[in-house]
PDB file of N, CA and C in Angstrom:
ATOM      1  N   MET A   1       0.906  -1.408  -0.138  1.00  0.00           N
ATOM      2  CA  MET A   1       0.154  -0.258  -0.012  1.00  0.00           C
ATOM      3  C   MET A   1       1.415   1.075   0.382  1.00  0.00           C
ATOM      4  N   ASN A   2       0.436   2.222  -0.947  1.00  0.00           N
ATOM      5  CA  ASN A   2       1.556   2.973  -0.892  1.00  0.00           C
ATOM      6  C   ASN A   2       1.221   4.663  -0.226  1.00  0.00           C
ATOM      7  N   TYR A   3       1.856   5.465   0.434  1.00  0.00           N
ATOM      8  CA  TYR A   3       2.120   6.228   0.835  1.00  0.00           C
ATOM      9  C   TYR A   3       0.885   7.213   0.586  1.00  0.00           C
ATOM     10  N   PHE A   4       0.275   7.526  -0.356  1.00  0.00           N
ATOM     11  CA  PHE A   4      -0.780   8.654  -0.762  1.00  0.00           C
ATOM     12  C   PHE A   4      -1.735   7.882  -0.333  1.00  0.00           C
ATOM     13  N   ILE A   5      -2.005   6.704  -0.130  1.00  0.00           N
ATOM     14  CA  ILE A   5      -3.521   5.388   0.200  1.00  0.00           C
ATOM     15  C   ILE A   5      -3.741   5.599   1.312  1.00  0.00           C
ATOM     16  N   ILE A   6      -2.508   5.370   2.386  1.00  0.00           N
ATOM     17  CA  ILE A   6      -2.875   5.265   4.000  1.00  0.00           C
ATOM     18  C   ILE A   6      -2.747   6.983   4.661  1.00  0.00           C
ATOM     19  N   LYS A   7      -2.262   8.315   3.826  1.00  0.00           N
ATOM     20  CA  LYS A   7      -2.285   9.242   4.049  1.00  0.00           C
ATOM     21  C   LYS A   7      -3.451   9.732   3.734  1.00  0.00           C
ATOM     22  N   ASN A   8      -4.025   9.363   2.754  1.00  0.00           N
ATOM     23  CA  ASN A   8      -5.419   9.570   2.366  1.00  0.00           C
ATOM     24  C   ASN A   8      -7.336   8.781   3.387  1.00  0.00           C
ATOM     25  N   ILE A   9      -6.377   7.832   3.383  1.00  0.00           N
ATOM     26  CA  ILE A   9      -7.205   6.623   4.634  1.00  0.00           C
ATOM     27  C   ILE A   9      -7.128   7.316   5.884  1.00  0.00           C
ATOM     28  N   VAL A  10      -6.216   7.959   6.283  1.00  0.00           N
ATOM     29  CA  VAL A  10      -5.853   9.227   7.527  1.00  0.00           C
ATOM     30  C   VAL A  10      -6.590  10.147   7.406  1.00  0.00           C
ATOM     31  N   GLU A  11      -6.323  10.814   6.476  1.00  0.00           N
ATOM     32  CA  GLU A  11      -7.013  12.373   6.508  1.00  0.00           C
ATOM     33  C   GLU A  11      -8.419  11.757   6.580  1.00  0.00           C
ATOM     34  N   THR A  12      -9.105  11.142   5.573  1.00  0.00           N
ATOM     35  CA  THR A  12     -10.374  10.979   5.766  1.00  0.00           C
ATOM     36  C   THR A  12     -11.080  10.627   6.954  1.00  0.00           C
ATOM     37  N   THR A  13     -10.478   9.759   7.587  1.00  0.00           N
ATOM     38  CA  THR A  13     -10.941   9.253   8.720  1.00  0.00           C
ATOM     39  C   THR A  13     -10.759  10.453   9.649  1.00  0.00           C
ATOM     40  N   LEU A  14      -9.873  11.228   9.641  1.00  0.00           N
ATOM     41  CA  LEU A  14      -9.771  12.425  10.593  1.00  0.00           C
ATOM     42  C   LEU A  14     -11.395  13.358  10.319  1.00  0.00           C
ATOM     43  N   THR A  15     -11.463  13.603   9.631  1.00  0.00           N
ATOM     44  CA  THR A  15     -12.787  14.559   8.727  1.00  0.00           C
ATOM     45  C   THR A  15     -13.476  13.681   9.421  1.00  0.00           C
ATOM     46  N   HIS A  16     -14.233  12.330   9.110  1.00  0.00           N
ATOM     47  CA  HIS A  16     -15.627  11.947   9.080  1.00  0.00           C
ATOM     48  C   HIS A  16     -15.937  10.877  10.540  1.00  0.00           C
ATOM     49  N   PHE A  17     -14.838  10.670  10.884  1.00  0.00           N
ATOM     50  CA  PHE A  17     -15.099  10.125  12.577  1.00  0.00           C
ATOM     51  C   PHE A  17     -15.171  10.622  13.384  1.00  0.00           C
ATOM     52  N   ALA A  18     -16.048   9.930  14.361  1.00  0.00           N
ATOM     53  CA  ALA A  18     -16.808  10.686  15.424  1.00  0.00           C
ATOM     54  C   ALA A  18     -16.556   9.687  16.548  1.00  0.00           C
ATOM     55  N   CYS A  19     -16.055  10.104  17.606  1.00  0.00           N
ATOM     56  CA  CYS A  19     -16.654   9.016  19.033  1.00  0.00           C
ATOM     57  C   CYS A  19     -17.895   8.421  18.935  1.00  0.00           C
ATOM     58  N   LYS A  20     -18.363   6.391  18.693  1.00  0.00           N
ATOM     59  CA  LYS A  20     -19.822   6.243  19.154  1.00  0.00           C
ATOM     60  C   LYS A  20     -19.883   6.589  20.413  1.00  0.00           C
ATOM     61  N   GLU A  21     -19.147   6.801  20.856  1.00  0.00           N
ATOM     62  CA  GLU A  21     -19.647   7.035  22.763  1.00  0.00           C
ATOM     63  C   GLU A  21     -20.407   8.725  22.860  1.00  0.00           C
ATOM     64  N   CYS A  22     -19.233   9.402  22.692  1.00  0.00           N
ATOM     65  CA  CYS A  22     -19.677  10.822  23.200  1.00  0.00           C
ATOM     66  C   CYS A  22     -19.754  11.297  22.090  1.00  0.00           C
ATOM     67  N   GLY A  23     -19.355  11.275  20.603  1.00  0.00           N
ATOM     68  CA  GLY A  23     -19.447  12.010  19.341  1.00  0.00           C
ATOM     69  C   GLY A  23     -17.688  12.563  19.421  1.00  0.00           C
ATOM     70  N   ALA A  24     -17.222  12.445  19.902  1.00  0.00           N
ATOM     71  CA  ALA A  24     -15.880  13.535  19.931  1.00  0.00           C
ATOM     72  C   ALA A  24     -15.266  13.243  18.532  1.00  0.00           C
ATOM     73  N   LYS A  25     -14.260  13.876  18.195  1.00  0.00           N
ATOM     74  CA  LYS A  25     -13.865  13.508  16.788  1.00  0.00           C
ATOM     75  C   LYS A  25     -12.063  13.208  16.984  1.00  0.00           C
ATOM     76  N   ALA A  26     -11.795  12.397  15.966  1.00  0.00           N
ATOM     77  CA  ALA A  26     -10.253  12.034  16.184  1.00  0.00           C
ATOM     78  C   ALA A  26      -9.222  12.992  16.081  1.00  0.00           C
ATOM     79  N   THR A  27      -8.376  13.064  16.423  1.00  0.00           N
ATOM     80  CA  THR A  27      -7.175  14.029  16.011  1.00  0.00           C
ATOM     81  C   THR A  27      -6.079  13.033  15.528  1.00  0.00           C
ATOM     82  N   GLU A  28      -4.981  13.025  15.208  1.00  0.00           N
ATOM     83  CA  GLU A  28      -3.993  12.844  14.812  1.00  0.00           C
ATOM     84  C   GLU A  28      -3.761  12.310  15.618  1.00  0.00           C
ATOM     85  N   GLN A  29      -3.290  12.245  17.016  1.00  0.00           N
ATOM     86  CA  GLN A  29      -2.581  11.666  18.271  1.00  0.00           C
ATOM     87  C   GLN A  29      -3.457  10.696  18.539  1.00  0.00           C
ATOM     88  N   ASN A  30      -4.877  10.810  18.464  1.00  0.00           N
ATOM     89  CA  ASN A  30      -6.069   9.545  18.907  1.00  0.00           C
ATOM     90  C   ASN A  30      -5.616   8.131  17.570  1.00  0.00           C
ATOM     91  N   ILE A  31      -5.170   8.810  16.419  1.00  0.00           N
ATOM     92  CA  ILE A  31      -4.934   7.193  15.321  1.00  0.00           C
ATOM     93  C   ILE A  31      -3.768   6.611  15.885  1.00  0.00           C
ATOM     94  N   HIS A  32      -3.866   5.128  15.960  1.00  0.00           N
ATOM     95  CA  HIS A  32      -2.800   4.386  15.208  1.00  0.00           C
ATOM     96  C   HIS A  32      -2.486   3.290  14.575  1.00  0.00           C
ATOM     97  N   ILE A  33      -1.472   3.488  13.980  1.00  0.00           N
ATOM     98  CA  ILE A  33      -1.708   2.331  12.545  1.00  0.00           C
ATOM     99  C   ILE A  33      -1.129   1.016  12.953  1.00  0.00           C
ATOM    100  N   LEU A  34      -1.820   0.300  12.826  1.00  0.00           N
ATOM    101  CA  LEU A  34      -1.743  -1.183  13.584  1.00  0.00           C
ATOM    102  C   LEU A  34      -1.250  -1.522  12.622  1.00  0.00           C
ATOM    103  N   GLY A  35      -1.230  -1.820  11.734  1.00  0.00           N
ATOM    104  CA  GLY A  35      -0.946  -2.415  10.598  1.00  0.00           C
ATOM    105  C   GLY A  35      -1.352  -2.197   8.884  1.00  0.00           C
ATOM    106  N   THR A  36      -0.929  -2.852   8.238  1.00  0.00           N
ATOM    107  CA  THR A  36      -1.470  -3.044   6.660  1.00  0.00           C
ATOM    108  C   THR A  36      -1.268  -4.743   6.721  1.00  0.00           C
ATOM    109  N   ALA A  37      -2.090  -5.062   5.450  1.00  0.00           N
ATOM    110  CA  ALA A  37      -1.842  -6.115   5.221  1.00  0.00           C
ATOM    111  C   ALA A  37      -2.636  -5.865   3.492  1.00  0.00           C
ATOM    112  N   GLY A  38      -1.558  -6.436   2.581  1.00  0.00           N
ATOM    113  CA  GLY A  38      -2.189  -6.737   0.917  1.00  0.00           C
ATOM    114  C   GLY A  38      -2.603  -4.666   0.896  1.00  0.00           C
ATOM    115  N   ASN A  39      -3.978  -5.287   0.432  1.00  0.00           N
ATOM    116  CA  ASN A  39      -4.662  -3.743   0.089  1.00  0.00           C
ATOM    117  C   ASN A  39      -5.421  -2.964   1.463  1.00  0.00           C
ATOM    118  N   SER A  40      -5.598  -3.574   2.673  1.00  0.00           N
ATOM    119  CA  SER A  40      -5.946  -2.847   4.160  1.00  0.00           C
ATOM    120  C   SER A  40      -4.864  -2.325   4.953  1.00  0.00           C
ATOM    121  N   LEU A  41      -5.771  -1.321   5.112  1.00  0.00           N
ATOM    122  CA  LEU A  41      -5.020  -0.666   6.831  1.00  0.00           C
ATOM    123  C   LEU A  41      -5.598  -0.575   7.851  1.00  0.00           C
ATOM    124  N   ASN A  42      -5.364  -1.188   8.717  1.00  0.00           N
ATOM    125  CA  ASN A  42      -5.817  -1.262  10.388  1.00  0.00           C
ATOM    126  C   ASN A  42      -5.643  -0.630  11.172  1.00  0.00           C
ATOM    127  N   MET A  43      -6.519   0.432  11.362  1.00  0.00           N
ATOM    128  CA  MET A  43      -6.115   1.655  12.721  1.00  0.00           C
ATOM    129  C   MET A  43      -7.237   1.412  13.507  1.00  0.00           C
ATOM    130  N   GLU A  44      -6.074   1.384  15.485  1.00  0.00           N
ATOM    131  CA  GLU A  44      -7.011   1.781  16.250  1.00  0.00           C
ATOM    132  C   GLU A  44      -7.134   3.587  16.485  1.00  0.00           C
ATOM    133  N   VAL A  45      -8.534   3.713  16.492  1.00  0.00           N
ATOM    134  CA  VAL A  45      -8.911   4.884  17.124  1.00  0.00           C
ATOM    135  C   VAL A  45      -9.435   4.954  18.920  1.00  0.00           C
ATOM    136  N   ILE A  46      -9.003   6.073  19.825  1.00  0.00           N
ATOM    137  CA  ILE A  46      -8.242   6.471  21.079  1.00  0.00           C
ATOM    138  C   ILE A  46      -9.191   7.555  21.116  1.00  0.00           C
ATOM    139  N   CYS A  47     -10.684   7.669  21.801  1.00  0.00           N
ATOM    140  CA  CYS A  47     -11.193   9.141  21.566  1.00  0.00           C
ATOM    141  C   CYS A  47     -10.719   9.627  22.830  1.00  0.00           C
ATOM    142  N   GLN A  48     -10.708  10.941  22.397  1.00  0.00           N
ATOM    143  CA  GLN A  48      -9.590  11.714  23.794  1.00  0.00           C
ATOM    144  C   GLN A  48     -10.212  12.325  24.787  1.00  0.00           C
ATOM    145  N   GLU A  49     -11.694  12.104  24.907  1.00  0.00           N
ATOM    146  CA  GLU A  49     -12.823  12.890  25.471  1.00  0.00           C
ATOM    147  C   GLU A  49     -13.455  11.389  26.537  1.00  0.00           C
ATOM    148  N   CYS A  50     -13.422  10.199  26.178  1.00  0.00           N
ATOM    149  CA  CYS A  50     -13.935   9.054  26.962  1.00  0.00           C
ATOM    150  C   CYS A  50     -12.913   7.955  26.577  1.00  0.00           C
ATOM    151  N   GLN A  51     -11.715   7.951  25.905  1.00  0.00           N
ATOM    152  CA  GLN A  51     -11.186   7.148  26.255  1.00  0.00           C
ATOM    153  C   GLN A  51     -11.831   5.653  25.341  1.00  0.00           C
ATOM    154  N   ALA A  52     -12.448   5.727  25.216  1.00  0.00           N
ATOM    155  CA  ALA A  52     -13.538   4.562  23.738  1.00  0.00           C
ATOM    156  C   ALA A  52     -12.178   4.023  23.071  1.00  0.00           C
ATOM    157  N   SER A  53     -12.470   2.798  22.864  1.00  0.00           N
ATOM    158  CA  SER A  53     -11.772   3.056  21.111  1.00  0.00           C
ATOM    159  C   SER A  53     -12.303   2.141  20.547  1.00  0.00           C
ATOM    160  N   GLY A  54     -11.968   2.023  19.646  1.00  0.00           N
ATOM    161  CA  GLY A  54     -12.374   1.307  18.070  1.00  0.00           C
ATOM    162  C   GLY A  54     -11.439   0.908  17.207  1.00  0.00           C
ATOM    163  N   VAL A  55     -11.975  -0.208  16.501  1.00  0.00           N
ATOM    164  CA  VAL A  55     -10.517  -0.091  15.112  1.00  0.00           C
ATOM    165  C   VAL A  55     -11.765  -0.739  13.614  1.00  0.00           C
ATOM    166  N   ILE A  56     -10.929   0.631  12.919  1.00  0.00           N
ATOM    167  CA  ILE A  56     -11.147   0.462  11.576  1.00  0.00           C
ATOM    168  C   ILE A  56     -10.497  -0.632  10.480  1.00  0.00           C
ATOM    169  N   LYS A  57     -10.933  -1.080   9.243  1.00  0.00           N
ATOM    170  CA  LYS A  57     -10.059  -1.729   8.767  1.00  0.00           C
ATOM    171  C   LYS A  57     -10.825  -1.165   7.226  1.00  0.00           C
ATOM    172  N   ALA A  58      -9.614  -0.041   6.952  1.00  0.00           N
ATOM    173  CA  ALA A  58     -10.225   0.090   5.278  1.00  0.00           C
ATOM    174  C   ALA A  58      -9.132  -0.735   4.358  1.00  0.00           C
ATOM    175  N   GLU A  59      -9.990  -0.806   3.167  1.00  0.00           N
ATOM    176  CA  GLU A  59      -9.391  -1.836   1.787  1.00  0.00           C
ATOM    177  C   GLU A  59      -9.606  -1.281   0.557  1.00  0.00           C
ATOM    178  N   MET A  60      -8.469  -0.885   0.076  1.00  0.00           N
ATOM    179  CA  MET A  60      -8.834  -0.441  -1.383  1.00  0.00           C
ATOM    180  C   MET A  60      -8.344  -1.656  -1.959  1.00  0.00           C
ATOM    181  N   ASN A  61      -9.126  -1.236  -3.586  1.00  0.00           N
ATOM    182  CA  ASN A  61      -8.878  -1.997  -4.767  1.00  0.00           C
ATOM    183  C   ASN A  61      -7.744  -1.862  -5.449  1.00  0.00           C
ATOM    184  N   ILE A  62      -6.093  -2.110  -5.385  1.00  0.00           N
ATOM    185  CA  ILE A  62      -5.449  -1.551  -6.109  1.00  0.00           C
ATOM    186  C   ILE A  62      -5.278  -1.729  -7.445  1.00  0.00           C
ATOM    187  N   MET A  63      -5.367  -3.375  -7.399  1.00  0.00           N
ATOM    188  CA  MET A  63      -5.370  -3.887  -8.942  1.00  0.00           C
ATOM    189  C   MET A  63      -6.465  -3.160 -10.068  1.00  0.00           C
ATOM    190  N   GLY A  64      -7.703  -2.292  -9.393  1.00  0.00           N
ATOM    191  CA  GLY A  64      -8.681  -2.026 -10.698  1.00  0.00           C
ATOM    192  C   GLY A  64      -8.951  -0.599  -9.802  1.00  0.00           C
ATOM    193  N   ILE A  65      -7.329   0.278  -9.975  1.00  0.00           N
ATOM    194  CA  ILE A  65      -7.604   1.673  -9.346  1.00  0.00           C
ATOM    195  C   ILE A  65      -7.834   3.256 -10.327  1.00  0.00           C
ATOM    196  N   ASN A  66      -9.592   2.266 -10.652  1.00  0.00           N
ATOM    197  CA  ASN A  66      -9.756   3.861 -11.549  1.00  0.00           C
ATOM    198  C   ASN A  66     -10.358   4.694 -11.183  1.00  0.00           C
ATOM    199  N   THR A  67     -10.582   4.715  -9.420  1.00  0.00           N
ATOM    200  CA  THR A  67     -10.657   5.285  -8.532  1.00  0.00           C
ATOM    201  C   THR A  67      -9.943   6.614  -8.774  1.00  0.00           C
ATOM    202  N   SER A  68     -10.690   7.397  -8.190  1.00  0.00           N
ATOM    203  CA  SER A  68     -10.370   8.882  -8.239  1.00  0.00           C
ATOM    204  C   SER A  68     -10.389   9.406  -7.604  1.00  0.00           C
ATOM    205  N   PRO A  69      -8.637  10.036  -6.365  1.00  0.00           N
ATOM    206  CA  PRO A  69      -9.301  10.714  -5.370  1.00  0.00           C
ATOM    207  C   PRO A  69     -10.116  10.500  -4.724  1.00  0.00           C
ATOM    208  N   ALA A  70     -10.988  11.847  -4.981  1.00  0.00           N
ATOM    209  CA  ALA A  70     -11.946  11.883  -4.554  1.00  0.00           C
ATOM    210  C   ALA A  70     -12.859  10.665  -4.089  1.00  0.00           C
ATOM    211  N   GLN A  71     -13.568  10.041  -5.373  1.00  0.00           N
ATOM    212  CA  GLN A  71     -14.150   8.881  -5.305  1.00  0.00           C
ATOM    213  C   GLN A  71     -13.576   7.851  -4.483  1.00  0.00           C
ATOM    214  N   PHE A  72     -12.431   7.836  -4.085  1.00  0.00           N
ATOM    215  CA  PHE A  72     -11.680   6.562  -2.941  1.00  0.00           C
ATOM    216  C   PHE A  72     -12.278   7.658  -1.827  1.00  0.00           C
ATOM    217  N   THR A  73     -12.391   8.773  -1.290  1.00  0.00           N
ATOM    218  CA  THR A  73     -12.381   9.891  -0.328  1.00  0.00           C
ATOM    219  C   THR A  73     -13.872   9.149   0.706  1.00  0.00           C
ATOM    220  N   GLU A  74     -14.951   9.058  -0.966  1.00  0.00           N
ATOM    221  CA  GLU A  74     -15.968   8.858  -0.712  1.00  0.00           C
ATOM    222  C   GLU A  74     -16.358   7.736  -0.284  1.00  0.00           C
ATOM    223  N   GLN A  75     -15.872   6.998  -0.928  1.00  0.00           N
ATOM    224  CA  GLN A  75     -15.798   5.546  -0.477  1.00  0.00           C
ATOM    225  C   GLN A  75     -15.437   5.108   1.066  1.00  0.00           C
ATOM    226  N   LEU A  76     -14.377   5.883   1.873  1.00  0.00           N
ATOM    227  CA  LEU A  76     -13.400   5.624   2.851  1.00  0.00           C
ATOM    228  C   LEU A  76     -15.245   6.235   3.931  1.00  0.00           C
ATOM    229  N   LYS A  77     -15.276   7.301   3.365  1.00  0.00           N
ATOM    230  CA  LYS A  77     -16.346   8.289   4.230  1.00  0.00           C
ATOM    231  C   LYS A  77     -17.631   7.272   4.476  1.00  0.00           C
ATOM    232  N   LYS A  78     -17.963   5.887   4.018  1.00  0.00           N
ATOM    233  CA  LYS A  78     -18.885   5.322   3.355  1.00  0.00           C
ATOM    234  C   LYS A  78     -18.743   4.011   4.788  1.00  0.00           C
ATOM    235  N   THR A  79     -17.271   4.113   3.986  1.00  0.00           N
ATOM    236  CA  THR A  79     -16.888   2.621   4.634  1.00  0.00           C
ATOM    237  C   THR A  79     -16.783   2.941   6.964  1.00  0.00           C
ATOM    238  N   VAL A  80     -17.172   4.188   6.588  1.00  0.00           N
ATOM    239  CA  VAL A  80     -16.805   5.224   8.328  1.00  0.00           C
ATOM    240  C   VAL A  80     -18.013   4.909   8.798  1.00  0.00           C
ATOM    241  N   GLU A  81     -19.207   5.271   7.848  1.00  0.00           N
ATOM    242  CA  GLU A  81     -20.377   5.869   8.362  1.00  0.00           C
ATOM    243  C   GLU A  81     -20.829   4.518   8.698  1.00  0.00           C
ATOM    244  N   GLU A  82     -21.015   3.285   7.613  1.00  0.00           N
ATOM    245  CA  GLU A  82     -21.165   1.927   7.707  1.00  0.00           C
ATOM    246  C   GLU A  82     -20.708   1.360   9.326  1.00  0.00           C
ATOM    247  N   THR A  83     -19.641   1.774   9.689  1.00  0.00           N
ATOM    248  CA  THR A  83     -18.779   1.128  11.005  1.00  0.00           C
ATOM    249  C   THR A  83     -18.951   2.036  11.494  1.00  0.00           C
ATOM    250  N   ARG A  84     -19.826   3.242  11.927  1.00  0.00           N
ATOM    251  CA  ARG A  84     -20.110   3.814  13.223  1.00  0.00           C
ATOM    252  C   ARG A  84     -21.519   3.128  13.145  1.00  0.00           C
ATOM    253  N   LYS A  85     -22.527   2.725  12.918  1.00  0.00           N
ATOM    254  CA  LYS A  85     -23.561   2.364  13.008  1.00  0.00           C
ATOM    255  C   LYS A  85     -24.034   0.932  13.675  1.00  0.00           C
ATOM    256  N   GLY A  86     -22.951   0.167  13.176  1.00  0.00           N
ATOM    257  CA  GLY A  86     -22.519  -1.317  14.059  1.00  0.00           C
ATOM    258  C   GLY A  86     -22.543  -1.152  15.199  1.00  0.00           C
ATOM    259  N   GLU A  87     -22.637  -1.875  16.391  1.00  0.00           N
ATOM    260  CA  GLU A  87     -22.701  -2.419  17.327  1.00  0.00           C
ATOM    261  C   GLU A  87     -20.928  -2.032  18.135  1.00  0.00           C
ATOM    262  N   ALA A  88     -20.390  -0.825  18.801  1.00  0.00           N
ATOM    263  CA  ALA A  88     -18.953  -1.069  19.148  1.00  0.00           C
ATOM    264  C   ALA A  88     -18.573  -2.146  19.639  1.00  0.00           C
ATOM    265  N   ILE A  89     -17.261  -2.750  19.868  1.00  0.00           N
ATOM    266  CA  ILE A  89     -16.560  -3.624  20.461  1.00  0.00           C
ATOM    267  C   ILE A  89     -15.636  -2.811  21.553  1.00  0.00           C
ATOM    268  N   LYS A  90     -16.403  -3.829  21.823  1.00  0.00           N
ATOM    269  CA  LYS A  90     -15.731  -3.440  24.308  1.00  0.00           C
ATOM    270  C   LYS A  90     -14.579  -3.859  23.827  1.00  0.00           C
ATOM    271  N   ASP A  91     -13.702  -3.191  25.084  1.00  0.00           N
ATOM    272  CA  ASP A  91     -12.915  -3.293  25.258  1.00  0.00           C
ATOM    273  C   ASP A  91     -12.427  -5.005  26.042  1.00  0.00           C
ATOM    274  N   ALA A  92     -13.810  -5.920  26.647  1.00  0.00           N
ATOM    275  CA  ALA A  92     -13.606  -6.801  26.916  1.00  0.00           C
ATOM    276  C   ALA A  92     -13.913  -7.797  26.113  1.00  0.00           C
ATOM    277  N   ASP A  93     -14.201  -7.152  24.962  1.00  0.00           N
ATOM    278  CA  ASP A  93     -14.217  -8.605  24.004  1.00  0.00           C
ATOM    279  C   ASP A  93     -12.513  -8.434  23.330  1.00  0.00           C
ATOM    280  N   ILE A  94     -12.051  -7.148  22.911  1.00  0.00           N
ATOM    281  CA  ILE A  94     -11.156  -7.434  22.517  1.00  0.00           C
ATOM    282  C   ILE A  94      -9.763  -7.904  23.284  1.00  0.00           C
ATOM    283  N   MET A  95     -10.094  -8.082  24.743  1.00  0.00           N
ATOM    284  CA  MET A  95      -8.917  -8.788  25.911  1.00  0.00           C
ATOM    285  C   MET A  95      -9.705 -10.198  25.476  1.00  0.00           C
ATOM    286  N   LYS A  96     -10.791 -11.011  25.666  1.00  0.00           N
ATOM    287  CA  LYS A  96     -11.584 -11.693  25.514  1.00  0.00           C
ATOM    288  C   LYS A  96     -10.743 -12.695  24.439  1.00  0.00           C
ATOM    289  N   VAL A  97     -11.073 -12.005  22.732  1.00  0.00           N
ATOM    290  CA  VAL A  97      -9.885 -12.581  21.881  1.00  0.00           C
ATOM    291  C   VAL A  97      -8.281 -12.571  22.041  1.00  0.00           C
ATOM    292  N   ARG A  98      -7.947 -11.837  22.620  1.00  0.00           N
ATOM    293  CA  ARG A  98      -6.514 -11.234  22.966  1.00  0.00           C
ATOM    294  C   ARG A  98      -5.785 -12.925  23.490  1.00  0.00           C
ATOM    295  N   ASN A  99      -7.053 -12.966  25.312  1.00  0.00           N
ATOM    296  CA  ASN A  99      -6.212 -14.077  25.709  1.00  0.00           C
ATOM    297  C   ASN A  99      -6.399 -15.896  25.157  1.00  0.00           C
ATOM    298  N   ASP A 100      -8.292 -15.448  24.272  1.00  0.00           N
ATOM    299  CA  ASP A 100      -8.328 -16.697  23.375  1.00  0.00           C
ATOM    300  C   ASP A 100      -6.888 -17.471  22.536  1.00  0.00           C
ATOM    301  N   LEU A 101      -6.633 -16.253  22.408  1.00  0.00           N
ATOM    302  CA  LEU A 101      -5.295 -16.709  21.097  1.00  0.00           C
ATOM    303  C   LEU A 101      -4.394 -16.804  21.580  1.00  0.00           C
ATOM    304  N   GLN A 102      -3.746 -16.442  23.309  1.00  0.00           N
ATOM    305  CA  GLN A 102      -2.572 -16.431  23.678  1.00  0.00           C
ATOM    306  C   GLN A 102      -3.000 -18.242  24.194  1.00  0.00           C
ATOM    307  N   LYS A 103      -3.704 -18.903  24.087  1.00  0.00           N
ATOM    308  CA  LYS A 103      -4.081 -20.506  24.712  1.00  0.00           C
ATOM    309  C   LYS A 103      -3.950 -21.256  23.347  1.00  0.00           C
ATOM    310  N   VAL A 104      -3.840 -20.738  22.468  1.00  0.00           N
ATOM    311  CA  VAL A 104      -4.128 -21.993  21.073  1.00  0.00           C
ATOM    312  C   VAL A 104      -2.485 -21.593  20.501  1.00  0.00           C
ATOM    313  N   ILE A 105      -2.447 -23.314  20.183  1.00  0.00           N
ATOM    314  CA  ILE A 105      -0.858 -23.593  19.744  1.00  0.00           C
ATOM    315  C   ILE A 105      -0.857 -23.871  17.977  1.00  0.00           C
ATOM    316  N   SER A 106      -1.719 -23.942  17.700  1.00  0.00           N
ATOM    317  CA  SER A 106      -1.935 -24.127  16.154  1.00  0.00           C
ATOM    318  C   SER A 106      -3.381 -23.135  15.729  1.00  0.00           C
ATOM    319  N   VAL A 107      -3.815 -23.401  14.503  1.00  0.00           N
ATOM    320  CA  VAL A 107      -4.729 -22.621  13.366  1.00  0.00           C
ATOM    321  C   VAL A 107      -5.996 -23.668  13.710  1.00  0.00           C
ATOM    322  N   SER A 108      -5.717 -25.001  13.540  1.00  0.00           N
ATOM    323  CA  SER A 108      -6.886 -25.754  14.262  1.00  0.00           C
ATOM    324  C   SER A 108      -7.137 -25.575  16.049  1.00  0.00           C
ATOM    325  N   ASP A 109      -6.353 -25.404  16.641  1.00  0.00           N
ATOM    326  CA  ASP A 109      -6.937 -25.098  17.898  1.00  0.00           C
ATOM    327  C   ASP A 109      -7.713 -24.003  17.931  1.00  0.00           C
ATOM    328  N   LEU A 110      -7.390 -22.771  16.978  1.00  0.00           N
ATOM    329  CA  LEU A 110      -8.135 -21.677  17.299  1.00  0.00           C
ATOM    330  C   LEU A 110      -9.782 -21.963  16.958  1.00  0.00           C
ATOM    331  N   PHE A 111      -9.885 -22.542  15.607  1.00  0.00           N
ATOM    332  CA  PHE A 111     -11.171 -23.361  14.804  1.00  0.00           C
ATOM    333  C   PHE A 111     -11.524 -23.963  15.781  1.00  0.00           C
ATOM    334  N   ASN A 112     -11.574 -25.165  16.362  1.00  0.00           N
ATOM    335  CA  ASN A 112     -12.269 -26.112  16.792  1.00  0.00           C
ATOM    336  C   ASN A 112     -12.449 -25.722  18.665  1.00  0.00           C
ATOM    337  N   SER A 113     -12.500 -24.583  19.219  1.00  0.00           N
ATOM    338  CA  SER A 113     -11.949 -24.067  20.306  1.00  0.00           C
ATOM    339  C   SER A 113     -13.526 -23.674  21.133  1.00  0.00           C
TER     340      SER A 113
END
């Protein structure tokens, strides 16, 4: 994933993201890039007001990049808005998954637990 795409994703998130809990806007200090994989960018956003956190996964189809920056921005805005409509992932949910992952030895253990 190139720098332009990452920069555009972060800027669009800053423009359109608001905390589900208190409605505060995100700032650059609140966004932590967790990693990239293929055509996706995973970010954690921690609210500066209420400390609620959430994860945003943004994906882009690089192979069919007939998308202009403006179209990409609009699509990402829709993705962020759709994410906000869903039920928030709670800290306890993340901790449970983390603890479960520490207990497995193989991928098959993960799917069979």
